[in-house]
Amino acid sequence: MAFWSEALRWMRGEQKEALTTSEAIWRHLYGGAETASGVTVTKESAMRLSTVYTCIGIIGETLAVMPCHLYRRTENDDRERAVTHPVYQLLTVAPNEWQSAFEFKEMLGLHCAAGGNYYAMKVRGFGGRLMELLPLQPSRVQPRQNPDLSITYRYTLENGSYRDLPAEDVWHVRYRSLDGFTGISPIAYNRETIGGGLAMTRHNANLFKQGAVVSGVLEHPGKLSIEAQKLLSASWQENWAGYGNAGKTPVLNEGMKFNRVAISPEEMQYVEARKLTAQEIFGIYRIPPHKGAELSRSTNNNIEHQGREFVQDCAMVWGSRVTGSADRDLLLPEERGTYYTEFLYDELLKADSTGRALLYRALFETGAISSNGI
């Protein structure tokens, strides 16, 4: 229904977007594009590929499990948690009436990792005090740059009408951006890689459906009528084709021969191709393969090092992206020099005992932390 209502709005001229090409129209109505493999890739279809689903889930859960606190700088160049500030409660307890802080941060990561943008509307109370953060559906939000270079967010409601929100009313977390105000989608920019993975997954499923072991052509020494051909084909499909019949020994009558013509997955280097696709997707999200249970290149000696790489190259990058946008959008201009948000990465480093010992030693020797703090 959403598709037809959108299509009718476009045909009636109510759609304000400049859709000048067939590709633009296709992407606007369907939310995806067809790849060279013949598979149309959208955010939803991409997440049906296990590696994409795993990577997006890892990013969302990593942000969710790490505590995020608001700090206030003190006069002696120290800091303390600003527990009485409204932003502190929203980030650590609950941002709204139906989400916990964990669920909110997880959704933030999922939206950014899948579509490149996360939006939340800020609800303020008396005196401009921030009361709630209400997540917005990214597919309904369109950032617009005004003639004065300010940003307005157009949010389309379910009834087709829209509401323009000024930038000061929106918390916007962006993935990598090319224009400075809209995040790019890692799925949209890697459709061919993901489409190839989806195509291989479908091919694998069809192999089992049609019979991955017995597959070929039946050769009869004589000439069969059309009716006999139909009966033979139906009998073969019922008794020998499909995953449930794999391993059975077919019985051939009347001098028939079975000539195998299907190419096996091994001959197509199918397994190797799937591994390569998975590695490419892990690389897109900068996630070590072992985090997705791909342990072919992991050992007891390097797994802790890969864990540190994940914290440094993935978790801390995403954490900085979120806290930077939080400082910009959730704090008042006069607060930004005194208050700041920060994720705590200690939970991700607990398994790395050597790294934690070196970190604590360095912090202690520089006076950044006391023995009680350790």
Protein backbone atom coordinates (compact mmCIF):
# COMPACT_ATOMS: atom_id res chain seq x y z
CA MET A 1 0.00 0.00 0.00
CA ALA A 2 2.85 2.37 0.78
CA PHE A 3 4.26 1.82 -2.70
CA TRP A 4 0.96 2.56 -4.49
CA SER A 5 0.19 5.64 -2.40
CA GLU A 6 3.67 6.99 -3.15
CA ALA A 7 3.31 6.17 -6.85
CA LEU A 8 -0.06 7.94 -7.06
CA ARG A 9 1.35 11.00 -5.28
CA TRP A 10 4.17 11.12 -7.84
CA MET A 11 1.82 10.71 -10.83
CA ARG A 12 -0.50 13.44 -9.52
CA GLY A 13 2.46 15.79 -9.26
CA GLU A 14 2.36 15.96 -5.47
CA GLN A 15 5.87 14.57 -5.17
CA LYS A 16 8.22 17.53 -4.87
CA GLU A 17 11.41 15.62 -5.75
CA ALA A 18 13.03 16.07 -9.16
CA LEU A 19 12.82 12.55 -10.56
CA THR A 20 14.31 13.04 -14.00
CA THR A 21 15.67 9.58 -14.77
CA SER A 22 14.24 6.08 -14.69
CA GLU A 23 16.89 5.08 -12.14
CA ALA A 24 15.85 7.93 -9.83
CA ILE A 25 12.19 6.92 -10.11
CA TRP A 26 13.04 3.26 -9.45
CA ARG A 27 15.10 4.08 -6.37
CA HIS A 28 12.51 6.49 -5.04
CA LEU A 29 9.59 4.07 -5.34
CA TYR A 30 11.36 0.83 -4.50
CA GLY A 31 14.19 1.99 -2.24
CA GLY A 32 16.81 -0.08 -4.05
CA ALA A 33 18.49 -0.83 -7.37
CA GLU A 34 19.14 -3.93 -9.45
CA THR A 35 22.72 -5.17 -9.58
CA ALA A 36 24.67 -6.93 -12.33
CA SER A 37 23.84 -10.26 -10.67
CA GLY A 38 20.14 -9.59 -11.32
CA VAL A 39 19.34 -9.15 -7.62
CA THR A 40 17.69 -5.94 -6.42
CA VAL A 41 19.46 -4.77 -3.26
CA THR A 42 17.71 -2.70 -0.60
CA LYS A 43 18.50 -2.26 3.07
CA GLU A 44 15.96 -4.94 3.93
CA SER A 45 17.10 -7.46 1.31
CA ALA A 46 20.78 -6.86 2.13
CA MET A 47 20.17 -7.81 5.75
CA ARG A 48 18.95 -11.22 4.56
CA LEU A 49 22.59 -11.93 3.72
CA SER A 50 23.99 -13.37 6.93
CA THR A 51 27.29 -11.46 6.81
CA VAL A 52 25.57 -8.09 6.37
CA TYR A 53 23.09 -8.93 9.13
CA THR A 54 25.96 -9.94 11.40
CA CYS A 55 28.04 -6.81 10.74
CA ILE A 56 25.14 -4.42 11.25
CA GLY A 57 24.15 -6.29 14.40
CA ILE A 58 27.71 -6.14 15.78
CA ILE A 59 27.86 -2.37 15.33
CA GLY A 60 24.46 -1.84 16.93
CA GLU A 61 25.14 -4.13 19.88
CA THR A 62 28.65 -2.72 20.42
CA LEU A 63 27.30 0.82 20.74
CA ALA A 64 24.47 -0.46 22.95
CA VAL A 65 26.65 -2.36 25.40
CA MET A 66 29.19 0.45 25.92
CA PRO A 67 28.19 2.94 28.63
CA CYS A 68 27.87 6.50 27.35
CA HIS A 69 28.17 9.27 29.96
CA LEU A 70 27.98 13.03 30.00
CA TYR A 71 30.90 14.71 31.74
CA ARG A 72 31.50 18.21 33.08
CA ARG A 73 34.95 19.75 33.18
CA THR A 74 35.89 21.12 36.59
CA GLU A 75 38.08 24.06 37.48
CA ASN A 76 41.16 21.96 38.34
CA ASP A 77 41.23 20.45 34.83
CA ASP A 78 39.48 17.32 36.07
CA ARG A 79 36.04 16.00 35.22
CA GLU A 80 32.94 14.61 36.87
CA ARG A 81 29.81 12.91 35.63
CA ALA A 82 27.01 15.42 35.07
CA VAL A 83 24.33 13.20 36.57
CA THR A 84 21.86 16.07 37.08
CA HIS A 85 21.97 17.19 33.46
CA PRO A 86 18.93 16.05 31.37
CA VAL A 87 21.16 14.66 28.60
CA TYR A 88 22.83 12.33 31.11
CA GLN A 89 19.51 10.70 31.99
CA LEU A 90 18.51 10.35 28.34
CA LEU A 91 21.76 8.60 27.38
CA THR A 92 22.14 6.35 30.42
CA VAL A 93 18.58 5.56 31.56
CA ALA A 94 15.88 6.07 28.93
CA PRO A 95 15.53 8.53 26.03
CA ASN A 96 11.74 8.20 25.84
CA GLU A 97 8.81 6.32 27.37
CA TRP A 98 9.15 3.08 25.36
CA GLN A 99 12.89 2.58 24.84
CA SER A 100 15.74 1.79 27.19
CA ALA A 101 19.15 3.37 26.65
CA PHE A 102 20.39 0.02 25.32
CA GLU A 103 17.59 -0.25 22.76
CA PHE A 104 18.03 3.36 21.71
CA LYS A 105 21.77 3.07 21.11
CA GLU A 106 21.34 -0.25 19.33
CA MET A 107 18.76 1.26 16.95
CA LEU A 108 21.10 4.18 16.34
CA GLY A 109 23.86 1.81 15.26
CA LEU A 110 21.54 -0.31 13.10
CA HIS A 111 20.17 2.71 11.23
CA CYS A 112 23.60 4.21 10.58
CA ALA A 113 25.24 0.92 9.57
CA ALA A 114 22.38 0.04 7.20
CA GLY A 115 21.35 3.39 5.74
CA GLY A 116 24.02 5.86 6.78
CA ASN A 117 21.78 8.13 8.89
CA TYR A 118 20.06 8.19 12.25
CA TYR A 119 17.53 10.84 13.21
CA ALA A 120 15.84 11.62 16.52
CA MET A 121 13.50 14.52 17.20
CA LYS A 122 14.26 16.50 20.33
CA VAL A 123 11.30 17.25 22.60
CA ARG A 124 11.89 20.19 24.91
CA GLY A 125 10.02 21.32 27.98
CA PHE A 126 9.92 24.49 30.04
CA GLY A 127 12.95 26.72 29.51
CA GLY A 128 14.18 24.64 26.57
CA ARG A 129 15.06 21.68 28.82
CA LEU A 130 15.52 18.52 26.74
CA MET A 131 12.84 16.03 27.80
CA GLU A 132 12.79 13.23 25.20
CA LEU A 133 14.49 11.87 22.11
CA LEU A 134 12.01 10.36 19.63
CA PRO A 135 13.56 8.21 16.86
CA LEU A 136 12.45 9.01 13.30
CA GLN A 137 12.20 6.53 10.45
CA PRO A 138 15.21 7.39 8.22
CA SER A 139 13.36 6.55 4.99
CA ARG A 140 10.89 9.33 5.77
CA VAL A 141 13.48 12.02 6.54
CA GLN A 142 15.07 14.18 3.87
CA PRO A 143 17.74 16.72 4.86
CA ARG A 144 17.54 19.92 2.79
CA GLN A 145 20.10 22.70 2.58
CA ASN A 146 18.48 26.14 2.52
CA PRO A 147 19.74 29.16 0.55
CA ASP A 148 21.42 30.46 3.72
CA LEU A 149 23.21 27.05 3.99
CA SER A 150 21.25 26.06 7.11
CA ILE A 151 19.71 22.56 7.24
CA THR A 152 16.02 21.65 7.44
CA TYR A 153 14.73 18.11 7.86
CA ARG A 154 11.54 17.26 6.01
CA TYR A 155 9.71 14.40 7.73
CA THR A 156 6.94 12.67 5.77
CA LEU A 157 4.04 11.40 7.89
CA GLU A 158 2.01 8.24 7.23
CA ASN A 159 -0.85 10.22 5.68
CA GLY A 160 1.48 11.66 3.04
CA SER A 161 1.79 15.12 4.54
CA TYR A 162 5.13 16.40 5.76
CA ARG A 163 6.60 18.47 8.53
CA ASP A 164 9.74 20.60 8.28
CA LEU A 165 11.98 20.38 11.34
CA PRO A 166 14.78 22.89 11.91
CA ALA A 167 18.23 21.47 12.62
CA GLU A 168 18.04 22.52 16.28
CA ASP A 169 15.13 20.08 16.77
CA VAL A 170 16.91 17.01 15.34
CA TRP A 171 19.76 14.81 16.52
CA HIS A 172 21.40 13.60 13.32
CA VAL A 173 24.14 10.95 13.40
CA ARG A 174 25.79 10.56 10.01
CA TYR A 175 27.91 7.84 8.52
CA ARG A 176 30.52 9.07 6.02
CA SER A 177 29.22 12.12 4.19
CA LEU A 178 30.03 13.58 0.78
CA ASP A 179 27.96 16.75 1.07
CA GLY A 180 28.44 17.44 4.78
CA PHE A 181 24.83 17.01 5.85
CA THR A 182 23.71 13.58 4.55
CA GLY A 183 25.33 10.27 5.43
CA ILE A 184 25.96 7.77 2.65
CA SER A 185 24.63 4.23 2.85
CA PRO A 186 27.32 1.51 2.97
CA ILE A 187 24.78 -0.85 1.42
CA ALA A 188 23.95 1.50 -1.47
CA TYR A 189 27.63 2.05 -2.25
CA ASN A 190 28.39 -1.69 -2.17
CA ARG A 191 25.30 -3.07 -3.91
CA GLU A 192 27.29 -5.19 -6.38
CA THR A 193 29.23 -7.01 -3.65
CA ILE A 194 26.12 -7.63 -1.58
CA GLY A 195 24.05 -8.53 -4.67
CA GLY A 196 26.63 -11.15 -5.60
CA GLY A 197 26.40 -12.64 -2.12
CA LEU A 198 22.61 -12.76 -2.29
CA ALA A 199 22.76 -14.38 -5.73
CA MET A 200 25.10 -17.10 -4.44
CA THR A 201 22.83 -17.72 -1.46
CA ARG A 202 19.84 -18.16 -3.77
CA HIS A 203 21.86 -20.41 -6.05
CA ASN A 204 22.80 -22.60 -3.09
CA ALA A 205 19.17 -22.84 -1.98
CA ASN A 206 18.05 -23.78 -5.50
CA LEU A 207 20.70 -26.49 -5.69
CA PHE A 208 19.21 -28.19 -2.64
CA LYS A 209 15.66 -27.57 -3.83
CA GLN A 210 16.27 -29.11 -7.25
CA GLY A 211 18.65 -31.79 -6.05
CA ALA A 212 22.28 -31.00 -5.40
CA VAL A 213 23.43 -34.62 -5.90
CA VAL A 214 21.32 -35.92 -8.78
CA SER A 215 21.14 -33.37 -11.58
CA GLY A 216 21.41 -33.94 -15.31
CA VAL A 217 19.62 -35.17 -18.41
CA LEU A 218 17.81 -38.47 -18.99
CA GLU A 219 18.63 -40.03 -22.36
CA HIS A 220 16.16 -42.55 -23.84
CA PRO A 221 17.22 -44.79 -26.77
CA GLY A 222 13.85 -44.42 -28.43
CA LYS A 223 11.38 -41.62 -29.05
CA LEU A 224 8.93 -40.69 -26.29
CA SER A 225 5.58 -39.06 -26.82
CA ILE A 226 4.83 -35.71 -25.21
CA GLU A 227 2.60 -37.42 -22.65
CA ALA A 228 5.31 -39.98 -21.80
CA GLN A 229 7.87 -37.19 -21.39
CA LYS A 230 5.59 -35.39 -18.94
CA LEU A 231 4.98 -38.54 -16.91
CA LEU A 232 8.69 -39.40 -16.81
CA SER A 233 9.61 -35.86 -15.73
CA ALA A 234 6.94 -35.83 -12.99
CA SER A 235 8.03 -39.24 -11.72
CA TRP A 236 11.69 -38.20 -11.65
CA GLN A 237 10.95 -34.97 -9.76
CA GLU A 238 8.85 -36.82 -7.20
CA ASN A 239 11.25 -39.68 -6.50
CA TRP A 240 14.77 -38.37 -7.12
CA ALA A 241 14.87 -34.57 -7.11
CA GLY A 242 15.15 -32.31 -4.08
CA TYR A 243 17.14 -32.28 -0.85
CA GLY A 244 14.93 -34.94 0.76
CA ASN A 245 15.76 -37.42 -2.01
CA ALA A 246 19.51 -36.75 -2.03
CA GLY A 247 21.54 -39.96 -1.79
CA LYS A 248 18.87 -42.26 -3.24
CA THR A 249 19.88 -44.52 -6.11
CA PRO A 250 17.68 -44.04 -9.17
CA VAL A 251 16.55 -47.06 -11.19
CA LEU A 252 16.57 -46.55 -14.98
CA ASN A 253 14.42 -48.67 -17.32
CA GLU A 254 14.17 -49.24 -21.07
CA GLY A 255 17.87 -48.58 -21.67
CA MET A 256 17.76 -44.99 -20.41
CA LYS A 257 20.99 -43.23 -19.42
CA PHE A 258 21.56 -40.39 -16.97
CA ASN A 259 24.05 -37.78 -18.15
CA ARG A 260 25.17 -35.35 -15.49
CA VAL A 261 25.40 -31.78 -16.78
CA ALA A 262 25.15 -29.60 -13.67
CA ILE A 263 28.35 -28.00 -12.40
CA SER A 264 29.05 -28.83 -8.79
CA PRO A 265 29.61 -26.11 -6.21
CA GLU A 266 33.22 -27.26 -5.85
CA GLU A 267 33.81 -26.90 -9.61
CA MET A 268 32.41 -23.38 -9.45
CA GLN A 269 34.67 -22.62 -6.46
CA TYR A 270 31.43 -21.74 -4.74
CA VAL A 271 32.72 -22.02 -1.18
CA GLU A 272 35.76 -19.88 -1.93
CA ALA A 273 33.60 -17.25 -3.62
CA ARG A 274 31.29 -17.03 -0.61
CA LYS A 275 34.27 -16.64 1.72
CA LEU A 276 35.65 -13.85 -0.44
CA THR A 277 32.31 -12.05 -0.42
CA ALA A 278 32.08 -12.39 3.36
CA GLN A 279 35.60 -10.99 3.77
CA GLU A 280 34.76 -8.04 1.53
CA ILE A 281 31.67 -7.24 3.62
CA PHE A 282 33.66 -7.51 6.84
CA GLY A 283 36.13 -5.07 5.27
CA ILE A 284 33.34 -2.62 4.38
CA TYR A 285 32.35 -2.40 8.04
CA ARG A 286 35.95 -2.72 9.33
CA ILE A 287 35.03 -5.72 11.47
CA PRO A 288 37.54 -8.57 12.02
CA PRO A 289 36.07 -11.78 10.54
CA HIS A 290 36.35 -13.63 13.84
CA LYS A 291 33.63 -11.34 15.26
CA GLY A 292 31.28 -12.96 12.76
CA ALA A 293 32.40 -16.51 13.62
CA GLU A 294 34.71 -16.72 10.57
CA LEU A 295 37.75 -18.26 12.24
CA SER A 296 39.69 -19.68 9.30
CA ARG A 297 42.51 -17.16 9.78
CA SER A 298 42.31 -16.77 13.55
CA THR A 299 44.57 -18.46 16.08
CA ASN A 300 44.99 -18.39 19.84
CA ASN A 301 47.96 -16.07 19.29
CA ASN A 302 46.29 -13.41 17.17
CA ILE A 303 42.68 -13.41 18.34
CA GLU A 304 43.36 -10.92 21.16
CA HIS A 305 45.21 -8.68 18.72
CA GLN A 306 42.22 -8.81 16.35
CA GLY A 307 40.01 -7.89 19.28
CA ARG A 308 42.12 -4.79 19.94
CA GLU A 309 41.93 -3.92 16.24
CA PHE A 310 38.14 -4.07 16.43
CA VAL A 311 38.10 -1.65 19.36
CA GLN A 312 40.53 0.78 17.73
CA ASP A 313 39.40 0.61 14.10
CA CYS A 314 35.67 0.05 14.48
CA ALA A 315 34.21 0.61 17.96
CA MET A 316 36.13 3.80 18.73
CA VAL A 317 35.39 5.26 15.29
CA TRP A 318 31.67 4.65 15.70
CA GLY A 319 31.79 5.90 19.29
CA SER A 320 33.50 9.13 18.24
CA ARG A 321 30.96 9.59 15.46
CA VAL A 322 28.08 9.32 17.94
CA THR A 323 29.56 11.43 20.73
CA GLY A 324 30.63 14.16 18.32
CA SER A 325 27.09 14.47 16.99
CA ALA A 326 25.68 14.31 20.53
CA ASP A 327 27.89 17.19 21.67
CA ARG A 328 26.79 19.20 18.63
CA ASP A 329 23.04 18.45 18.74
CA LEU A 330 22.16 17.69 22.37
CA LEU A 331 24.10 20.40 24.18
CA LEU A 332 23.33 24.09 24.15
CA PRO A 333 25.99 26.30 22.50
CA GLU A 334 27.05 27.73 25.85
CA GLU A 335 27.45 24.21 27.30
CA ARG A 336 29.74 22.73 24.66
CA GLY A 337 32.98 23.95 26.20
CA THR A 338 32.08 22.63 29.64
CA TYR A 339 30.14 19.44 28.95
CA TYR A 340 30.96 16.54 26.63
CA THR A 341 29.85 12.93 26.07
CA GLU A 342 32.12 9.92 26.02
CA PHE A 343 31.79 6.16 25.57
CA LEU A 344 33.61 3.84 27.97
CA TYR A 345 35.49 1.15 26.05
CA ASP A 346 36.62 -0.80 29.10
CA GLU A 347 33.92 -3.43 28.60
CA LEU A 348 35.40 -4.30 25.20
CA LEU A 349 38.96 -4.55 26.56
CA LYS A 350 38.32 -6.82 29.54
CA ALA A 351 39.41 -9.94 27.66
CA ASP A 352 42.72 -8.31 26.73
CA SER A 353 44.46 -8.61 30.10
CA THR A 354 47.89 -7.54 28.79
CA GLY A 355 46.51 -4.48 27.05
CA ARG A 356 44.50 -3.44 30.10
CA ALA A 357 47.55 -3.82 32.36
CA LEU A 358 49.64 -1.61 30.07
CA LEU A 359 46.85 0.94 29.82
CA TYR A 360 46.37 1.16 33.60
CA ARG A 361 50.11 1.39 34.17
CA ALA A 362 50.43 4.28 31.74
CA LEU A 363 47.43 6.08 33.27
CA PHE A 364 48.77 5.57 36.80
CA GLU A 365 52.29 6.76 35.96
CA THR A 366 50.94 9.94 34.36
CA GLY A 367 48.62 10.60 37.29
CA ALA A 368 45.49 10.26 35.17
CA ILE A 369 44.08 7.59 37.51
CA SER A 370 44.68 6.50 41.10
CA SER A 371 45.21 3.00 42.48
CA ASN A 372 41.67 3.13 43.87
CA GLY A 373 40.40 4.03 40.41
CA ILE A 374 42.18 1.02 38.94
